[in-house]
Amino acid sequence: MPTHHVSESTVIAAPPARVYAILADYRVGHPGILPQPPFHSYELETGGQGAGTIMRFKMTALGRTENFRGAVTEPEPGRVLVETYFETKTVTTFTVEPHGDGRQHA
């Protein structure tokens, strides 16, 4: 099976700890930033805060809807959050790094 690596980055005018807290909050924060569409039918199975969380959702793209169910790990808590989806073995990694001096800027 071929391997694909897709990367995207952006600078967010917020403290890195706050950004990470939103990403790691699978009850409110993370679902709140998922674009709809294509993501929908999000459900939390277990956990809800970082490592140990198991969630499921659907994603529709190019007229096709896929089901995803995955687990969250934190190889570097506060910096790296990883979602691994059981059926597809797809991995999504979120890495939060300070930009410049790491402080919030207006």
N, C-alpha and C. Protein backbone atom coordinates (compact mmCIF):
# COMPACT_ATOMS: atom_id res chain seq x y z
N MET A 1 0.85 -1.17 0.00
CA MET A 1 0.00 0.00 0.00
C MET A 1 0.90 1.24 0.00
N PRO A 2 0.60 2.22 -0.85
CA PRO A 2 1.43 3.43 -0.91
C PRO A 2 1.26 4.27 0.36
N THR A 3 2.29 5.01 0.68
CA THR A 3 2.27 5.92 1.81
C THR A 3 2.21 7.34 1.30
N HIS A 4 1.32 8.14 1.88
CA HIS A 4 1.18 9.54 1.51
C HIS A 4 1.44 10.38 2.75
N HIS A 5 2.16 11.44 2.58
CA HIS A 5 2.43 12.37 3.68
C HIS A 5 1.91 13.74 3.25
N VAL A 6 0.98 14.27 4.01
CA VAL A 6 0.41 15.58 3.73
C VAL A 6 0.70 16.45 4.93
N SER A 7 1.14 17.67 4.69
CA SER A 7 1.49 18.55 5.79
C SER A 7 0.86 19.92 5.58
N GLU A 8 0.45 20.52 6.66
CA GLU A 8 -0.12 21.87 6.64
C GLU A 8 0.33 22.56 7.92
N SER A 9 0.65 23.83 7.83
CA SER A 9 1.00 24.57 9.04
C SER A 9 0.45 25.97 8.95
N THR A 10 0.27 26.57 10.11
CA THR A 10 -0.20 27.94 10.19
C THR A 10 0.29 28.55 11.51
N VAL A 11 0.37 29.86 11.53
CA VAL A 11 0.72 30.57 12.75
C VAL A 11 -0.58 31.06 13.38
N ILE A 12 -0.78 30.72 14.64
CA ILE A 12 -1.98 31.12 15.37
C ILE A 12 -1.56 32.09 16.47
N ALA A 13 -2.20 33.23 16.52
CA ALA A 13 -1.86 34.26 17.51
C ALA A 13 -2.45 33.91 18.86
N ALA A 14 -1.88 32.88 19.47
CA ALA A 14 -2.32 32.43 20.79
C ALA A 14 -1.17 31.68 21.45
N PRO A 15 -1.17 31.61 22.76
CA PRO A 15 -0.11 30.86 23.45
C PRO A 15 -0.16 29.38 23.03
N PRO A 16 0.98 28.76 22.80
CA PRO A 16 1.01 27.35 22.40
C PRO A 16 0.24 26.44 23.36
N ALA A 17 0.31 26.69 24.65
CA ALA A 17 -0.40 25.85 25.61
C ALA A 17 -1.91 25.92 25.40
N ARG A 18 -2.41 27.08 25.04
CA ARG A 18 -3.86 27.24 24.79
C ARG A 18 -4.27 26.49 23.53
N VAL A 19 -3.46 26.60 22.48
CA VAL A 19 -3.76 25.89 21.23
C VAL A 19 -3.78 24.38 21.49
N TYR A 20 -2.78 23.89 22.20
CA TYR A 20 -2.71 22.46 22.50
C TYR A 20 -3.91 22.02 23.34
N ALA A 21 -4.30 22.84 24.30
CA ALA A 21 -5.45 22.50 25.15
C ALA A 21 -6.72 22.33 24.33
N ILE A 22 -6.91 23.16 23.33
CA ILE A 22 -8.09 23.04 22.47
C ILE A 22 -8.02 21.75 21.66
N LEU A 23 -6.85 21.47 21.07
CA LEU A 23 -6.69 20.24 20.29
C LEU A 23 -6.91 18.99 21.13
N ALA A 24 -6.43 18.99 22.37
CA ALA A 24 -6.51 17.81 23.23
C ALA A 24 -7.86 17.63 23.90
N ASP A 25 -8.73 18.63 23.81
CA ASP A 25 -10.07 18.57 24.42
C ASP A 25 -11.04 17.97 23.41
N TYR A 26 -11.23 16.66 23.48
CA TYR A 26 -12.09 15.97 22.53
C TYR A 26 -13.57 16.00 22.91
N ARG A 27 -13.90 16.68 23.98
CA ARG A 27 -15.31 16.87 24.35
C ARG A 27 -15.88 18.12 23.68
N VAL A 28 -15.15 19.24 23.75
CA VAL A 28 -15.65 20.51 23.25
C VAL A 28 -14.68 21.15 22.25
N GLY A 29 -13.43 21.32 22.65
CA GLY A 29 -12.46 22.06 21.85
C GLY A 29 -12.22 21.49 20.46
N HIS A 30 -11.76 20.26 20.39
CA HIS A 30 -11.42 19.64 19.11
C HIS A 30 -12.64 19.52 18.18
N PRO A 31 -13.78 19.00 18.67
CA PRO A 31 -14.94 18.94 17.78
C PRO A 31 -15.38 20.33 17.30
N GLY A 32 -15.12 21.34 18.11
CA GLY A 32 -15.52 22.70 17.75
C GLY A 32 -14.72 23.31 16.61
N ILE A 33 -13.54 22.75 16.31
CA ILE A 33 -12.74 23.29 15.22
C ILE A 33 -12.79 22.43 13.96
N LEU A 34 -13.51 21.30 14.01
CA LEU A 34 -13.63 20.46 12.82
C LEU A 34 -14.50 21.16 11.78
N PRO A 35 -14.03 21.30 10.56
CA PRO A 35 -14.86 21.95 9.53
C PRO A 35 -16.04 21.06 9.15
N GLN A 36 -17.22 21.72 9.08
CA GLN A 36 -18.43 20.99 8.72
C GLN A 36 -19.10 21.67 7.55
N PRO A 37 -19.33 21.04 6.43
CA PRO A 37 -18.71 19.75 6.12
C PRO A 37 -17.23 19.92 5.90
N PRO A 38 -16.47 18.92 5.79
CA PRO A 38 -16.76 17.52 5.47
C PRO A 38 -16.90 16.61 6.68
N PHE A 39 -16.49 17.07 7.91
CA PHE A 39 -16.59 16.20 9.09
C PHE A 39 -17.99 16.30 9.69
N HIS A 40 -18.54 15.16 10.08
CA HIS A 40 -19.85 15.17 10.73
C HIS A 40 -20.03 13.89 11.55
N SER A 41 -21.11 13.85 12.30
CA SER A 41 -21.48 12.69 13.13
C SER A 41 -20.39 12.32 14.14
N TYR A 42 -19.76 13.33 14.73
CA TYR A 42 -18.70 13.10 15.71
C TYR A 42 -19.28 12.53 17.00
N GLU A 43 -18.65 11.48 17.53
CA GLU A 43 -19.05 10.89 18.79
C GLU A 43 -17.81 10.55 19.61
N LEU A 44 -17.88 10.80 20.88
CA LEU A 44 -16.81 10.46 21.81
C LEU A 44 -17.18 9.13 22.46
N GLU A 45 -16.29 8.14 22.36
CA GLU A 45 -16.55 6.83 22.97
C GLU A 45 -16.01 6.76 24.38
N THR A 46 -14.73 7.09 24.56
CA THR A 46 -14.11 7.05 25.88
C THR A 46 -13.14 8.21 26.02
N GLY A 47 -12.83 8.52 27.26
CA GLY A 47 -11.88 9.59 27.51
C GLY A 47 -12.48 10.95 27.19
N GLY A 48 -11.69 11.75 26.52
CA GLY A 48 -12.15 13.09 26.18
C GLY A 48 -11.06 14.13 26.35
N GLN A 49 -9.98 13.75 27.04
CA GLN A 49 -8.88 14.67 27.25
C GLN A 49 -7.58 13.97 26.87
N GLY A 50 -7.10 14.23 25.66
CA GLY A 50 -5.81 13.72 25.21
C GLY A 50 -5.72 12.21 25.15
N ALA A 51 -4.56 11.68 25.58
CA ALA A 51 -4.25 10.25 25.47
C ALA A 51 -5.34 9.39 26.08
N GLY A 52 -5.65 8.30 25.38
CA GLY A 52 -6.67 7.37 25.83
C GLY A 52 -8.05 7.64 25.26
N THR A 53 -8.22 8.78 24.62
CA THR A 53 -9.50 9.12 24.02
C THR A 53 -9.75 8.23 22.80
N ILE A 54 -10.97 7.77 22.66
CA ILE A 54 -11.40 7.06 21.45
C ILE A 54 -12.62 7.79 20.93
N MET A 55 -12.55 8.15 19.63
CA MET A 55 -13.64 8.89 19.03
C MET A 55 -14.00 8.28 17.67
N ARG A 56 -15.15 8.68 17.17
CA ARG A 56 -15.57 8.26 15.83
C ARG A 56 -16.24 9.45 15.15
N PHE A 57 -16.16 9.47 13.82
CA PHE A 57 -16.79 10.52 13.04
C PHE A 57 -16.90 10.05 11.60
N LYS A 58 -17.62 10.82 10.81
CA LYS A 58 -17.72 10.56 9.38
C LYS A 58 -17.13 11.74 8.64
N MET A 59 -16.55 11.44 7.47
CA MET A 59 -16.02 12.49 6.62
C MET A 59 -16.51 12.23 5.20
N THR A 60 -17.07 13.26 4.60
CA THR A 60 -17.56 13.16 3.24
C THR A 60 -16.68 14.01 2.34
N ALA A 61 -16.12 13.39 1.30
CA ALA A 61 -15.29 14.09 0.33
C ALA A 61 -15.49 13.46 -1.03
N LEU A 62 -15.59 14.30 -2.05
CA LEU A 62 -15.77 13.84 -3.42
C LEU A 62 -16.97 12.90 -3.54
N GLY A 63 -18.04 13.21 -2.79
CA GLY A 63 -19.27 12.44 -2.87
C GLY A 63 -19.24 11.11 -2.15
N ARG A 64 -18.18 10.84 -1.41
CA ARG A 64 -18.03 9.56 -0.72
C ARG A 64 -17.90 9.80 0.78
N THR A 65 -18.65 9.05 1.58
CA THR A 65 -18.60 9.18 3.03
C THR A 65 -17.84 8.01 3.62
N GLU A 66 -16.86 8.31 4.46
CA GLU A 66 -16.05 7.30 5.14
C GLU A 66 -16.29 7.40 6.64
N ASN A 67 -16.29 6.26 7.31
CA ASN A 67 -16.38 6.20 8.76
C ASN A 67 -14.97 6.09 9.34
N PHE A 68 -14.70 6.85 10.39
CA PHE A 68 -13.41 6.79 11.05
C PHE A 68 -13.63 6.55 12.54
N ARG A 69 -12.82 5.69 13.10
CA ARG A 69 -12.81 5.43 14.54
C ARG A 69 -11.35 5.37 14.94
N GLY A 70 -10.97 6.19 15.92
CA GLY A 70 -9.55 6.25 16.24
C GLY A 70 -9.26 6.51 17.70
N ALA A 71 -7.98 6.32 18.02
CA ALA A 71 -7.48 6.52 19.37
C ALA A 71 -6.45 7.63 19.38
N VAL A 72 -6.37 8.30 20.51
CA VAL A 72 -5.45 9.43 20.67
C VAL A 72 -4.30 9.01 21.58
N THR A 73 -3.09 9.39 21.17
CA THR A 73 -1.90 9.23 22.01
C THR A 73 -1.20 10.59 22.09
N GLU A 74 -0.35 10.74 23.07
CA GLU A 74 0.42 11.97 23.25
C GLU A 74 1.90 11.60 23.43
N PRO A 75 2.61 11.38 22.32
CA PRO A 75 4.03 11.02 22.43
C PRO A 75 4.85 12.10 23.14
N GLU A 76 4.46 13.36 23.00
CA GLU A 76 5.10 14.47 23.70
C GLU A 76 3.98 15.36 24.25
N PRO A 77 3.46 15.03 25.44
CA PRO A 77 2.35 15.80 25.99
C PRO A 77 2.64 17.30 26.00
N GLY A 78 1.65 18.06 25.57
CA GLY A 78 1.81 19.51 25.50
C GLY A 78 2.40 19.99 24.19
N ARG A 79 2.87 19.05 23.36
CA ARG A 79 3.47 19.43 22.08
C ARG A 79 2.97 18.59 20.91
N VAL A 80 2.86 17.27 21.08
CA VAL A 80 2.48 16.38 19.97
C VAL A 80 1.30 15.51 20.37
N LEU A 81 0.27 15.55 19.54
CA LEU A 81 -0.96 14.79 19.72
C LEU A 81 -1.16 13.96 18.46
N VAL A 82 -1.44 12.65 18.61
CA VAL A 82 -1.55 11.76 17.45
C VAL A 82 -2.89 11.03 17.49
N GLU A 83 -3.60 11.05 16.37
CA GLU A 83 -4.82 10.28 16.21
C GLU A 83 -4.52 9.15 15.22
N THR A 84 -4.80 7.91 15.62
CA THR A 84 -4.59 6.76 14.75
C THR A 84 -5.94 6.09 14.54
N TYR A 85 -6.35 5.96 13.29
CA TYR A 85 -7.67 5.43 12.95
C TYR A 85 -7.54 3.94 12.67
N PHE A 86 -8.35 3.14 13.37
CA PHE A 86 -8.23 1.69 13.38
C PHE A 86 -8.39 1.04 12.01
N GLU A 87 -9.44 1.35 11.30
CA GLU A 87 -9.74 0.66 10.05
C GLU A 87 -8.75 0.97 8.94
N THR A 88 -8.34 2.21 8.85
CA THR A 88 -7.52 2.64 7.71
C THR A 88 -6.03 2.72 8.04
N LYS A 89 -5.68 2.67 9.31
CA LYS A 89 -4.29 2.85 9.76
C LYS A 89 -3.77 4.25 9.42
N THR A 90 -4.69 5.16 9.09
CA THR A 90 -4.32 6.55 8.83
C THR A 90 -3.92 7.20 10.15
N VAL A 91 -2.93 8.07 10.10
CA VAL A 91 -2.45 8.76 11.29
C VAL A 91 -2.49 10.26 11.04
N THR A 92 -3.05 10.99 11.99
CA THR A 92 -3.03 12.45 11.95
C THR A 92 -2.23 12.93 13.16
N THR A 93 -1.22 13.75 12.89
CA THR A 93 -0.35 14.25 13.96
C THR A 93 -0.48 15.76 14.05
N PHE A 94 -0.73 16.25 15.25
CA PHE A 94 -0.77 17.68 15.52
C PHE A 94 0.47 18.03 16.33
N THR A 95 1.29 18.94 15.83
CA THR A 95 2.48 19.38 16.55
C THR A 95 2.35 20.88 16.80
N VAL A 96 2.42 21.27 18.06
CA VAL A 96 2.29 22.68 18.44
C VAL A 96 3.66 23.17 18.87
N GLU A 97 4.13 24.20 18.19
CA GLU A 97 5.43 24.77 18.50
C GLU A 97 5.30 26.28 18.62
N PRO A 98 6.06 26.88 19.55
CA PRO A 98 6.01 28.34 19.65
C PRO A 98 6.59 28.99 18.41
N HIS A 99 6.05 30.13 18.07
CA HIS A 99 6.53 30.91 16.93
C HIS A 99 7.16 32.18 17.47
N GLY A 100 8.35 32.49 17.04
CA GLY A 100 9.02 33.69 17.56
C GLY A 100 9.37 33.49 19.02
N ASP A 101 8.87 34.37 19.87
CA ASP A 101 9.17 34.26 21.30
C ASP A 101 8.15 33.40 22.04
N GLY A 102 7.16 32.86 21.32
CA GLY A 102 6.18 31.95 21.93
C GLY A 102 5.08 32.63 22.71
N ARG A 103 5.06 33.96 22.70
CA ARG A 103 4.02 34.68 23.42
C ARG A 103 2.89 35.09 22.47
N GLN A 104 1.77 35.37 23.04
CA GLN A 104 0.63 35.82 22.26
C GLN A 104 0.91 37.22 21.73
N HIS A 105 0.54 37.45 20.47
CA HIS A 105 0.73 38.75 19.84
C HIS A 105 -0.61 39.26 19.33
N ALA A 106 -0.80 40.54 19.40
CA ALA A 106 -2.05 41.15 18.91
C ALA A 106 -1.91 41.50 17.44
